[in-house]
Protein backbone atom coordinates (compact mmCIF):
# COMPACT_ATOMS: atom_id res chain seq x y z
CA MET A 1 41.11 -15.89 5.82
CA PHE A 2 37.42 -16.02 6.49
CA PHE A 3 34.72 -15.71 3.90
CA ARG A 4 31.39 -14.25 4.83
CA LYS A 5 28.32 -15.68 3.30
CA LYS A 6 26.16 -13.23 1.51
CA PRO A 7 22.94 -12.74 3.54
CA ARG A 8 20.21 -14.64 1.79
CA ARG A 9 17.53 -12.39 0.50
CA GLU A 10 14.10 -13.09 1.96
CA ALA A 11 11.56 -14.37 -0.60
CA PRO A 12 8.78 -11.86 -1.24
CA ILE A 13 5.95 -14.18 -0.26
CA VAL A 14 2.57 -12.62 0.51
CA HIS A 15 0.52 -14.37 3.30
CA VAL A 16 -3.22 -14.17 2.91
CA ASP A 17 -6.29 -15.48 4.83
CA ASP A 18 -10.06 -15.23 4.66
CA SER A 19 -10.03 -11.60 5.70
CA ASP A 20 -7.79 -10.23 2.92
CA PHE A 21 -7.88 -12.88 0.11
CA ASP A 22 -10.35 -10.95 -2.04
CA THR A 23 -8.51 -7.67 -1.70
CA VAL A 24 -4.98 -9.02 -2.22
CA ILE A 25 -5.63 -11.73 -4.77
CA LEU A 26 -8.96 -11.21 -6.55
CA GLU A 27 -8.49 -7.44 -6.86
CA GLY A 28 -4.78 -7.82 -7.65
CA GLU A 29 -3.11 -7.22 -10.99
CA GLY A 30 -0.75 -9.42 -12.87
CA ILE A 31 0.00 -13.08 -12.31
CA THR A 32 -0.38 -14.50 -8.79
CA VAL A 33 0.34 -18.07 -7.69
CA VAL A 34 -1.53 -19.01 -4.54
CA ASP A 35 -0.27 -21.95 -2.51
CA PHE A 36 -2.94 -23.61 -0.47
CA TRP A 37 -1.08 -25.45 2.25
CA ALA A 38 -1.02 -26.56 5.96
CA ALA A 39 1.78 -26.82 8.48
CA TRP A 40 1.16 -30.50 9.08
CA CYS A 41 1.50 -31.32 5.36
CA SER A 42 4.95 -32.80 4.37
CA PRO A 43 4.64 -32.11 0.65
CA CYS A 44 3.62 -28.53 1.43
CA ARG A 45 6.82 -28.05 3.50
CA MET A 46 8.78 -29.52 0.56
CA MET A 47 7.18 -26.94 -1.72
CA GLU A 48 8.26 -24.02 0.46
CA PRO A 49 11.88 -23.64 -0.75
CA ILE A 50 10.74 -24.14 -4.39
CA LEU A 51 8.15 -21.39 -4.04
CA ASP A 52 10.73 -19.13 -2.31
CA GLU A 53 13.00 -19.52 -5.28
CA ILE A 54 10.18 -18.91 -7.75
CA ALA A 55 9.09 -15.77 -5.86
CA LEU A 56 12.70 -14.37 -6.03
CA GLU A 57 13.24 -15.32 -9.70
CA PHE A 58 9.95 -14.07 -11.06
CA GLU A 59 9.51 -10.95 -8.85
CA ASP A 60 10.98 -8.64 -11.43
CA ARG A 61 8.64 -10.05 -14.04
CA GLY A 62 5.50 -9.07 -12.05
CA VAL A 63 4.65 -12.55 -10.55
CA THR A 64 3.41 -12.57 -6.95
CA VAL A 65 3.59 -15.78 -4.88
CA ALA A 66 1.05 -15.99 -2.02
CA LYS A 67 0.45 -18.59 0.68
CA LEU A 68 -2.87 -19.43 2.28
CA ASP A 69 -2.91 -21.76 5.32
CA THR A 70 -5.99 -23.93 4.82
CA GLU A 71 -6.35 -24.43 8.52
CA GLN A 72 -6.54 -20.65 9.11
CA ALA A 73 -8.78 -19.87 6.08
CA PRO A 74 -11.53 -22.45 5.80
CA GLU A 75 -13.92 -20.09 3.98
CA THR A 76 -11.50 -19.44 1.07
CA THR A 77 -10.40 -23.10 1.03
CA GLY A 78 -14.05 -24.15 0.63
CA ARG A 79 -14.86 -21.51 -1.93
CA PHE A 80 -12.15 -22.77 -4.22
CA GLU A 81 -13.04 -26.45 -3.42
CA ILE A 82 -9.57 -27.36 -2.23
CA ARG A 83 -9.68 -31.05 -1.44
CA SER A 84 -6.01 -31.88 -1.48
CA ILE A 85 -2.89 -29.96 -0.50
CA PRO A 86 -0.63 -28.53 -1.60
CA THR A 87 -2.68 -27.01 -4.37
CA LEU A 88 -1.41 -24.12 -6.43
CA ILE A 89 -3.95 -21.85 -8.19
CA PHE A 90 -2.63 -19.51 -10.91
CA PHE A 91 -4.50 -16.24 -11.23
CA ARG A 92 -4.24 -13.42 -13.90
CA ASP A 93 -5.65 -10.09 -12.82
CA GLY A 94 -7.73 -11.76 -10.11
CA GLU A 95 -9.20 -14.45 -12.35
CA PRO A 96 -8.30 -18.10 -11.66
CA LEU A 97 -6.76 -19.75 -14.63
CA PHE A 98 -5.81 -23.30 -13.56
CA GLN A 99 -4.50 -25.26 -10.67
CA LEU A 100 -1.83 -27.82 -9.96
CA THR A 101 -2.14 -30.26 -7.03
CA GLY A 102 0.68 -32.12 -5.20
CA LEU A 103 4.34 -31.48 -5.04
CA VAL A 104 5.18 -29.53 -8.26
CA PRO A 105 8.84 -29.52 -9.46
CA LYS A 106 10.48 -26.16 -9.96
CA PRO A 107 10.96 -26.70 -13.73
CA VAL A 108 7.22 -27.22 -14.16
CA LEU A 109 6.43 -24.00 -12.30
CA GLU A 110 9.06 -22.18 -14.40
CA ARG A 111 7.53 -23.48 -17.60
CA GLU A 112 3.94 -22.61 -16.65
CA LEU A 113 4.88 -19.15 -15.52
CA GLY A 114 6.96 -18.58 -18.62
CA GLU A 115 4.03 -19.52 -20.82
CA LEU A 116 1.66 -17.21 -18.90
CA LEU A 117 4.14 -14.35 -19.13
CA GLU A 118 4.59 -14.83 -22.90
CA GLY A 119 0.78 -14.51 -23.22
CA ASP A 120 0.88 -11.04 -21.70
């Protein structure tokens, strides 16, 4: 007897760059977490599965997870004064609220998002 694995659902991650950041993030509604990352960054790659899980778990609660490659979006990276990656910036209705830098454990993200959602 063979068991088939359920196909894994793709995480609803939004990819943004300099050309669409303002439209997608700053004019967006609800809570958005933007991951400033780069392909060469090991901690950034370690954040990827954590953010995939967060995107799936919080999608029904109106949370959007977006990724911005700092190598491909130098203007936005400079505008938000990103000096270290990974950096996560939390937005509510287009307004930046706070940021976390470095590899952030999933429970910390869950706690922060839970507190933001309770405030809605």
